[in-house]
Amino acid sequence: MDTSNIGVIFDYLPRLLQGALLTLAVAVTSFIFSFIIGMIGAQMRLSRFAFIRWIASAYSSILRGVPELVWMLLLFFGIQMWLNQWTDYLGWGLLEIDPFTAGVLVLSLIYGAYFTETIRGAIMAIPVGQMEAGMAYGMNAWQIFRRITFPLMMRFALPGIRNNWLALSKATAVVSIIGLDDMVRIANQAGAAEHQSLLFNLCAAAVFLLITIASLYLFKYWDGTYRKGIVEVRYE
């Protein structure tokens, strides 16, 4: 890396910051949707109906069994072209899925499968007596979920949620291949234009590292919040 040209990074700084914000937007939006999907999927996995459990299990296995890159290409190019063949046949307008929507959709579906298993395991770790106590106090199903199930579930699920978020935030780099001007795509373009690929890719890596560090501090705070009231026994 030629350090004499390191100042060129400031010429691209506005675009890099814009790309970093777009990367963060994809990550946060995908995280929210994947968490919601995971909550629904976990309830389906714990359903007393075998068919519903089978659907949730099939979704979880299939989505986790194929790489993000393949799903991204499959949705953005393959499925979009297939749908447009039908819309053309029916005389409808052309269906276009923009890169941001496609990226969020794919990441949400994939990591929704991971959250399904994380949340299912956390719910199963809750002592049954906790829910029975809520019922004995006359709580309805929503009150039991809001006051007992969700807080205890978060206590058990938070380490898995943290790992899923860290993996998801780095997986946003895959969205650059479908044309989204995120941080990775801009860094690659700038590096190629200035013949400073190492410099610009190091900048992208540094931003991902900052996101990881900030996330770890945030999850540490959440962990302390959900672990209030727990007495830890330590053996000397």
C-alpha atoms as a PDB file:
ATOM      1  CA  MET A   1       0.000   0.000   0.000  1.00  0.00           C
ATOM      2  CA  ASP A   2       1.397   3.392  -1.026  1.00  0.00           C
ATOM      3  CA  THR A   3       1.102   5.583   2.076  1.00  0.00           C
ATOM      4  CA  SER A   4       1.880   8.702   0.057  1.00  0.00           C
ATOM      5  CA  ASN A   5      -1.547   8.443  -1.561  1.00  0.00           C
ATOM      6  CA  ILE A   6      -3.412   7.728   1.648  1.00  0.00           C
ATOM      7  CA  GLY A   7      -4.984  11.178   1.491  1.00  0.00           C
ATOM      8  CA  VAL A   8      -7.111  10.024  -1.446  1.00  0.00           C
ATOM      9  CA  ILE A   9      -9.405   8.409   1.086  1.00  0.00           C
ATOM     10  CA  PHE A  10     -10.738  11.867   2.019  1.00  0.00           C
ATOM     11  CA  ASP A  11     -11.909  12.430  -1.564  1.00  0.00           C
ATOM     12  CA  TYR A  12     -14.202   9.431  -1.250  1.00  0.00           C
ATOM     13  CA  LEU A  13     -15.124   9.971   2.406  1.00  0.00           C
ATOM     14  CA  PRO A  14     -18.657  11.342   1.760  1.00  0.00           C
ATOM     15  CA  ARG A  15     -19.524   8.374  -0.468  1.00  0.00           C
ATOM     16  CA  LEU A  16     -17.974   5.906   1.970  1.00  0.00           C
ATOM     17  CA  LEU A  17     -19.984   7.380   4.848  1.00  0.00           C
ATOM     18  CA  GLN A  18     -23.128   7.226   2.751  1.00  0.00           C
ATOM     19  CA  GLY A  19     -22.381   3.599   1.920  1.00  0.00           C
ATOM     20  CA  ALA A  20     -21.716   2.822   5.590  1.00  0.00           C
ATOM     21  CA  LEU A  21     -25.103   4.296   6.571  1.00  0.00           C
ATOM     22  CA  LEU A  22     -26.788   2.249   3.846  1.00  0.00           C
ATOM     23  CA  THR A  23     -25.024  -0.892   5.072  1.00  0.00           C
ATOM     24  CA  LEU A  24     -26.207  -0.173   8.608  1.00  0.00           C
ATOM     25  CA  ALA A  25     -29.757   0.452   7.351  1.00  0.00           C
ATOM     26  CA  VAL A  26     -29.808  -2.923   5.590  1.00  0.00           C
ATOM     27  CA  ALA A  27     -28.464  -4.652   8.709  1.00  0.00           C
ATOM     28  CA  VAL A  28     -30.867  -3.026  11.187  1.00  0.00           C
ATOM     29  CA  THR A  29     -33.932  -3.439   8.950  1.00  0.00           C
ATOM     30  CA  SER A  30     -33.074  -7.074   8.268  1.00  0.00           C
ATOM     31  CA  PHE A  31     -32.477  -7.678  11.978  1.00  0.00           C
ATOM     32  CA  ILE A  32     -35.911  -6.335  12.920  1.00  0.00           C
ATOM     33  CA  PHE A  33     -37.736  -8.398  10.301  1.00  0.00           C
ATOM     34  CA  SER A  34     -35.689 -11.540  10.974  1.00  0.00           C
ATOM     35  CA  PHE A  35     -36.414 -11.269  14.698  1.00  0.00           C
ATOM     36  CA  ILE A  36     -40.141 -10.994  14.005  1.00  0.00           C
ATOM     37  CA  ILE A  37     -39.954 -13.971  11.623  1.00  0.00           C
ATOM     38  CA  GLY A  38     -37.995 -15.875  14.267  1.00  0.00           C
ATOM     39  CA  MET A  39     -40.648 -15.212  16.902  1.00  0.00           C
ATOM     40  CA  ILE A  40     -43.353 -16.517  14.574  1.00  0.00           C
ATOM     41  CA  GLY A  41     -41.231 -19.466  13.463  1.00  0.00           C
ATOM     42  CA  ALA A  42     -40.427 -20.426  17.057  1.00  0.00           C
ATOM     43  CA  GLN A  43     -44.112 -20.465  17.975  1.00  0.00           C
ATOM     44  CA  MET A  44     -44.777 -22.641  14.933  1.00  0.00           C
ATOM     45  CA  ARG A  45     -41.940 -24.994  15.888  1.00  0.00           C
ATOM     46  CA  LEU A  46     -43.520 -25.369  19.339  1.00  0.00           C
ATOM     47  CA  SER A  47     -47.059 -25.807  18.003  1.00  0.00           C
ATOM     48  CA  ARG A  48     -49.078 -28.821  19.097  1.00  0.00           C
ATOM     49  CA  PHE A  49     -50.024 -29.415  15.455  1.00  0.00           C
ATOM     50  CA  ALA A  50     -47.542 -31.640  13.637  1.00  0.00           C
ATOM     51  CA  PHE A  51     -48.169 -30.049  10.213  1.00  0.00           C
ATOM     52  CA  ILE A  52     -47.346 -26.551  11.478  1.00  0.00           C
ATOM     53  CA  ARG A  53     -44.209 -27.873  13.165  1.00  0.00           C
ATOM     54  CA  TRP A  54     -43.199 -29.552   9.891  1.00  0.00           C
ATOM     55  CA  ILE A  55     -43.625 -26.319   7.892  1.00  0.00           C
ATOM     56  CA  ALA A  56     -41.500 -24.343  10.358  1.00  0.00           C
ATOM     57  CA  SER A  57     -38.857 -27.065  10.468  1.00  0.00           C
ATOM     58  CA  ALA A  58     -38.681 -27.255   6.660  1.00  0.00           C
ATOM     59  CA  TYR A  59     -38.345 -23.466   6.399  1.00  0.00           C
ATOM     60  CA  SER A  60     -35.578 -23.413   8.999  1.00  0.00           C
ATOM     61  CA  SER A  61     -33.629 -26.256   7.392  1.00  0.00           C
ATOM     62  CA  ILE A  62     -33.905 -25.039   3.789  1.00  0.00           C
ATOM     63  CA  LEU A  63     -33.055 -21.393   4.459  1.00  0.00           C
ATOM     64  CA  ARG A  64     -30.078 -22.264   6.649  1.00  0.00           C
ATOM     65  CA  GLY A  65     -28.852 -24.927   4.251  1.00  0.00           C
ATOM     66  CA  VAL A  66     -28.168 -22.627   1.277  1.00  0.00           C
ATOM     67  CA  PRO A  67     -25.533 -19.827   1.298  1.00  0.00           C
ATOM     68  CA  GLU A  68     -26.657 -16.180   1.398  1.00  0.00           C
ATOM     69  CA  LEU A  69     -24.990 -15.504  -1.941  1.00  0.00           C
ATOM     70  CA  VAL A  70     -27.031 -18.192  -3.696  1.00  0.00           C
ATOM     71  CA  TRP A  71     -30.309 -16.953  -2.206  1.00  0.00           C
ATOM     72  CA  MET A  72     -29.430 -13.379  -3.183  1.00  0.00           C
ATOM     73  CA  LEU A  73     -28.769 -14.310  -6.793  1.00  0.00           C
ATOM     74  CA  LEU A  74     -31.772 -16.619  -6.874  1.00  0.00           C
ATOM     75  CA  LEU A  75     -34.195 -13.933  -5.714  1.00  0.00           C
ATOM     76  CA  PHE A  76     -32.795 -10.882  -7.469  1.00  0.00           C
ATOM     77  CA  PHE A  77     -32.145 -12.491 -10.831  1.00  0.00           C
ATOM     78  CA  GLY A  78     -33.796 -15.913 -11.029  1.00  0.00           C
ATOM     79  CA  ILE A  79     -37.138 -15.390  -9.273  1.00  0.00           C
ATOM     80  CA  GLN A  80     -37.501 -11.834 -10.560  1.00  0.00           C
ATOM     81  CA  MET A  81     -37.059 -13.007 -14.167  1.00  0.00           C
ATOM     82  CA  TRP A  82     -39.498 -15.882 -13.566  1.00  0.00           C
ATOM     83  CA  LEU A  83     -42.129 -13.524 -12.151  1.00  0.00           C
ATOM     84  CA  ASN A  84     -41.669 -11.101 -15.044  1.00  0.00           C
ATOM     85  CA  GLN A  85     -42.336 -13.905 -17.497  1.00  0.00           C
ATOM     86  CA  TRP A  86     -45.727 -14.370 -15.852  1.00  0.00           C
ATOM     87  CA  THR A  87     -46.487 -10.651 -15.658  1.00  0.00           C
ATOM     88  CA  ASP A  88     -45.573 -10.312 -19.347  1.00  0.00           C
ATOM     89  CA  TYR A  89     -47.809 -13.260 -20.202  1.00  0.00           C
ATOM     90  CA  LEU A  90     -50.699 -11.738 -18.256  1.00  0.00           C
ATOM     91  CA  GLY A  91     -50.133  -8.301 -19.781  1.00  0.00           C
ATOM     92  CA  TRP A  92     -49.151  -6.677 -16.507  1.00  0.00           C
ATOM     93  CA  GLY A  93     -46.348  -4.224 -15.884  1.00  0.00           C
ATOM     94  CA  LEU A  94     -42.732  -5.165 -15.340  1.00  0.00           C
ATOM     95  CA  LEU A  95     -41.944  -6.211 -11.789  1.00  0.00           C
ATOM     96  CA  GLU A  96     -38.741  -4.710 -10.445  1.00  0.00           C
ATOM     97  CA  ILE A  97     -37.217  -5.493  -7.060  1.00  0.00           C
ATOM     98  CA  ASP A  98     -34.682  -2.861  -6.041  1.00  0.00           C
ATOM     99  CA  PRO A  99     -31.385  -4.040  -4.486  1.00  0.00           C
ATOM    100  CA  PHE A 100     -32.214  -2.666  -1.017  1.00  0.00           C
ATOM    101  CA  THR A 101     -35.546  -4.507  -0.862  1.00  0.00           C
ATOM    102  CA  ALA A 102     -34.028  -7.704  -2.245  1.00  0.00           C
ATOM    103  CA  GLY A 103     -31.165  -7.567   0.245  1.00  0.00           C
ATOM    104  CA  VAL A 104     -33.415  -6.975   3.227  1.00  0.00           C
ATOM    105  CA  LEU A 105     -35.846  -9.676   2.087  1.00  0.00           C
ATOM    106  CA  VAL A 106     -33.175 -12.333   1.611  1.00  0.00           C
ATOM    107  CA  LEU A 107     -31.301 -11.554   4.829  1.00  0.00           C
ATOM    108  CA  SER A 108     -34.546 -11.390   6.813  1.00  0.00           C
ATOM    109  CA  LEU A 109     -35.686 -14.780   5.558  1.00  0.00           C
ATOM    110  CA  ILE A 110     -32.301 -16.427   6.081  1.00  0.00           C
ATOM    111  CA  TYR A 111     -31.631 -15.069   9.544  1.00  0.00           C
ATOM    112  CA  GLY A 112     -35.268 -15.475  10.468  1.00  0.00           C
ATOM    113  CA  ALA A 113     -34.515 -19.196  10.241  1.00  0.00           C
ATOM    114  CA  TYR A 114     -31.591 -18.803  12.633  1.00  0.00           C
ATOM    115  CA  PHE A 115     -33.677 -16.718  15.026  1.00  0.00           C
ATOM    116  CA  THR A 116     -36.380 -19.387  14.886  1.00  0.00           C
ATOM    117  CA  GLU A 117     -34.030 -21.940  16.400  1.00  0.00           C
ATOM    118  CA  THR A 118     -32.476 -19.474  18.844  1.00  0.00           C
ATOM    119  CA  ILE A 119     -35.826 -18.317  20.201  1.00  0.00           C
ATOM    120  CA  ARG A 120     -37.306 -21.829  20.243  1.00  0.00           C
ATOM    121  CA  GLY A 121     -34.446 -23.056  22.409  1.00  0.00           C
ATOM    122  CA  ALA A 122     -34.801 -20.074  24.745  1.00  0.00           C
ATOM    123  CA  ILE A 123     -38.537 -20.614  25.190  1.00  0.00           C
ATOM    124  CA  MET A 124     -37.973 -24.295  25.915  1.00  0.00           C
ATOM    125  CA  ALA A 125     -35.457 -23.306  28.616  1.00  0.00           C
ATOM    126  CA  ILE A 126     -38.116 -21.380  30.562  1.00  0.00           C
ATOM    127  CA  PRO A 127     -39.385 -23.409  33.543  1.00  0.00           C
ATOM    128  CA  VAL A 128     -42.987 -24.484  32.967  1.00  0.00           C
ATOM    129  CA  GLY A 129     -43.848 -23.412  36.480  1.00  0.00           C
ATOM    130  CA  GLN A 130     -43.329 -19.760  35.510  1.00  0.00           C
ATOM    131  CA  MET A 131     -46.210 -19.880  33.001  1.00  0.00           C
ATOM    132  CA  GLU A 132     -48.340 -21.917  35.393  1.00  0.00           C
ATOM    133  CA  ALA A 133     -47.817 -19.264  38.057  1.00  0.00           C
ATOM    134  CA  GLY A 134     -48.997 -16.604  35.619  1.00  0.00           C
ATOM    135  CA  MET A 135     -52.130 -18.577  34.877  1.00  0.00           C
ATOM    136  CA  ALA A 136     -52.724 -19.058  38.601  1.00  0.00           C
ATOM    137  CA  TYR A 137     -52.626 -15.260  39.018  1.00  0.00           C
ATOM    138  CA  GLY A 138     -55.334 -14.942  36.371  1.00  0.00           C
ATOM    139  CA  MET A 139     -53.167 -13.572  33.546  1.00  0.00           C
ATOM    140  CA  ASN A 140     -54.367 -14.028  29.995  1.00  0.00           C
ATOM    141  CA  ALA A 141     -52.126 -15.390  27.223  1.00  0.00           C
ATOM    142  CA  TRP A 142     -50.874 -11.941  26.148  1.00  0.00           C
ATOM    143  CA  GLN A 143     -50.051 -10.920  29.725  1.00  0.00           C
ATOM    144  CA  ILE A 144     -48.151 -14.161  30.311  1.00  0.00           C
ATOM    145  CA  PHE A 145     -46.160 -13.587  27.124  1.00  0.00           C
ATOM    146  CA  ARG A 146     -45.411  -9.918  27.856  1.00  0.00           C
ATOM    147  CA  ARG A 147     -44.611 -10.249  31.562  1.00  0.00           C
ATOM    148  CA  ILE A 148     -43.123 -13.734  31.814  1.00  0.00           C
ATOM    149  CA  THR A 149     -42.316 -15.507  28.551  1.00  0.00           C
ATOM    150  CA  PHE A 150     -40.671 -12.658  26.615  1.00  0.00           C
ATOM    151  CA  PRO A 151     -38.394 -11.338  29.410  1.00  0.00           C
ATOM    152  CA  LEU A 152     -37.244 -14.841  30.369  1.00  0.00           C
ATOM    153  CA  MET A 153     -36.881 -15.819  26.715  1.00  0.00           C
ATOM    154  CA  MET A 154     -34.658 -12.791  26.086  1.00  0.00           C
ATOM    155  CA  ARG A 155     -32.512 -13.713  29.089  1.00  0.00           C
ATOM    156  CA  PHE A 156     -31.771 -17.129  27.574  1.00  0.00           C
ATOM    157  CA  ALA A 157     -31.742 -16.071  23.911  1.00  0.00           C
ATOM    158  CA  LEU A 158     -29.574 -12.956  24.126  1.00  0.00           C
ATOM    159  CA  PRO A 159     -26.213 -14.704  23.454  1.00  0.00           C
ATOM    160  CA  GLY A 160     -27.682 -16.361  20.354  1.00  0.00           C
ATOM    161  CA  ILE A 161     -29.338 -13.122  19.239  1.00  0.00           C
ATOM    162  CA  ARG A 162     -25.994 -11.339  19.586  1.00  0.00           C
ATOM    163  CA  ASN A 163     -24.223 -13.948  17.445  1.00  0.00           C
ATOM    164  CA  ASN A 164     -26.963 -13.822  14.817  1.00  0.00           C
ATOM    165  CA  TRP A 165     -26.744 -10.027  14.651  1.00  0.00           C
ATOM    166  CA  LEU A 166     -22.959 -10.079  14.266  1.00  0.00           C
ATOM    167  CA  ALA A 167     -23.229 -12.630  11.459  1.00  0.00           C
ATOM    168  CA  LEU A 168     -26.060 -10.701   9.791  1.00  0.00           C
ATOM    169  CA  SER A 169     -24.231  -7.367   9.927  1.00  0.00           C
ATOM    170  CA  LYS A 170     -21.266  -8.890   8.086  1.00  0.00           C
ATOM    171  CA  ALA A 171     -23.523 -10.736   5.631  1.00  0.00           C
ATOM    172  CA  THR A 172     -24.743  -7.370   4.326  1.00  0.00           C
ATOM    173  CA  ALA A 173     -21.568  -7.312   2.216  1.00  0.00           C
ATOM    174  CA  VAL A 174     -23.255  -9.856  -0.063  1.00  0.00           C
ATOM    175  CA  VAL A 175     -25.830  -7.249  -1.126  1.00  0.00           C
ATOM    176  CA  SER A 176     -23.119  -5.368  -3.040  1.00  0.00           C
ATOM    177  CA  ILE A 177     -23.150  -8.027  -5.773  1.00  0.00           C
ATOM    178  CA  ILE A 178     -26.679  -7.061  -6.849  1.00  0.00           C
ATOM    179  CA  GLY A 179     -25.841  -3.394  -7.351  1.00  0.00           C
ATOM    180  CA  LEU A 180     -26.571  -1.771  -3.996  1.00  0.00           C
ATOM    181  CA  ASP A 181     -24.171   1.124  -3.413  1.00  0.00           C
ATOM    182  CA  ASP A 182     -23.270   0.012   0.069  1.00  0.00           C
ATOM    183  CA  MET A 183     -19.907   0.472   1.735  1.00  0.00           C
ATOM    184  CA  VAL A 184     -18.340  -2.653   0.226  1.00  0.00           C
ATOM    185  CA  ARG A 185     -19.335  -1.781  -3.346  1.00  0.00           C
ATOM    186  CA  ILE A 186     -18.137   1.816  -3.026  1.00  0.00           C
ATOM    187  CA  ALA A 187     -14.858   0.689  -1.452  1.00  0.00           C
ATOM    188  CA  ASN A 188     -14.284  -1.772  -4.301  1.00  0.00           C
ATOM    189  CA  GLN A 189     -15.070   0.830  -6.954  1.00  0.00           C
ATOM    190  CA  ALA A 190     -12.861   3.458  -5.320  1.00  0.00           C
ATOM    191  CA  GLY A 191     -10.040   0.980  -4.836  1.00  0.00           C
ATOM    192  CA  ALA A 192     -10.166  -0.049  -8.497  1.00  0.00           C
ATOM    193  CA  ALA A 193     -10.332   3.550  -9.732  1.00  0.00           C
ATOM    194  CA  GLU A 194      -7.432   4.738  -7.578  1.00  0.00           C
ATOM    195  CA  HIS A 195      -5.435   1.484  -7.678  1.00  0.00           C
ATOM    196  CA  GLN A 196      -5.644   1.429  -3.887  1.00  0.00           C
ATOM    197  CA  SER A 197      -7.767  -1.670  -3.278  1.00  0.00           C
ATOM    198  CA  LEU A 198      -5.980  -2.552  -0.047  1.00  0.00           C
ATOM    199  CA  LEU A 199      -6.473   0.917   1.408  1.00  0.00           C
ATOM    200  CA  PHE A 200     -10.188   1.161   0.667  1.00  0.00           C
ATOM    201  CA  ASN A 201     -10.941  -2.414   1.676  1.00  0.00           C
ATOM    202  CA  LEU A 202      -9.146  -1.785   4.969  1.00  0.00           C
ATOM    203  CA  CYS A 203     -11.461   1.189   5.493  1.00  0.00           C
ATOM    204  CA  ALA A 204     -14.492  -1.044   4.900  1.00  0.00           C
ATOM    205  CA  ALA A 205     -13.081  -3.636   7.286  1.00  0.00           C
ATOM    206  CA  ALA A 206     -12.535  -0.941   9.924  1.00  0.00           C
ATOM    207  CA  VAL A 207     -16.170   0.165   9.691  1.00  0.00           C
ATOM    208  CA  PHE A 208     -17.406  -3.412  10.135  1.00  0.00           C
ATOM    209  CA  LEU A 209     -15.091  -3.738  13.132  1.00  0.00           C
ATOM    210  CA  LEU A 210     -16.495  -0.539  14.666  1.00  0.00           C
ATOM    211  CA  ILE A 211     -20.041  -1.861  14.188  1.00  0.00           C
ATOM    212  CA  THR A 212     -19.024  -5.088  15.923  1.00  0.00           C
ATOM    213  CA  ILE A 213     -17.421  -3.291  18.874  1.00  0.00           C
ATOM    214  CA  ALA A 214     -20.403  -0.965  19.333  1.00  0.00           C
ATOM    215  CA  SER A 215     -22.764  -3.952  19.088  1.00  0.00           C
ATOM    216  CA  LEU A 216     -20.890  -5.866  21.775  1.00  0.00           C
ATOM    217  CA  TYR A 217     -21.205  -2.925  24.181  1.00  0.00           C
ATOM    218  CA  LEU A 218     -24.913  -2.602  23.393  1.00  0.00           C
ATOM    219  CA  PHE A 219     -25.573  -6.297  23.959  1.00  0.00           C
ATOM    220  CA  LYS A 220     -23.572  -6.159  27.184  1.00  0.00           C
ATOM    221  CA  TYR A 221     -25.963  -3.454  28.395  1.00  0.00           C
ATOM    222  CA  TRP A 222     -29.001  -5.506  27.340  1.00  0.00           C
ATOM    223  CA  ASP A 223     -27.580  -8.565  29.037  1.00  0.00           C
ATOM    224  CA  GLY A 224     -27.275  -6.636  32.299  1.00  0.00           C
ATOM    225  CA  THR A 225     -30.836  -5.368  31.892  1.00  0.00           C
ATOM    226  CA  TYR A 226     -32.383  -8.802  31.394  1.00  0.00           C
ATOM    227  CA  ARG A 227     -30.252 -10.415  34.100  1.00  0.00           C
ATOM    228  CA  LYS A 228     -31.378  -8.071  36.857  1.00  0.00           C
ATOM    229  CA  GLY A 229     -32.497  -9.978  39.914  1.00  0.00           C
ATOM    230  CA  ILE A 230     -30.354 -13.037  39.167  1.00  0.00           C
ATOM    231  CA  VAL A 231     -28.062 -14.046  41.998  1.00  0.00           C
ATOM    232  CA  GLU A 232     -24.893 -15.670  40.674  1.00  0.00           C
ATOM    233  CA  VAL A 233     -23.247 -18.228  42.908  1.00  0.00           C
ATOM    234  CA  ARG A 234     -19.468 -18.349  42.546  1.00  0.00           C
ATOM    235  CA  TYR A 235     -17.286 -21.056  44.008  1.00  0.00           C
ATOM    236  CA  GLU A 236     -13.860 -19.981  45.125  1.00  0.00           C
END
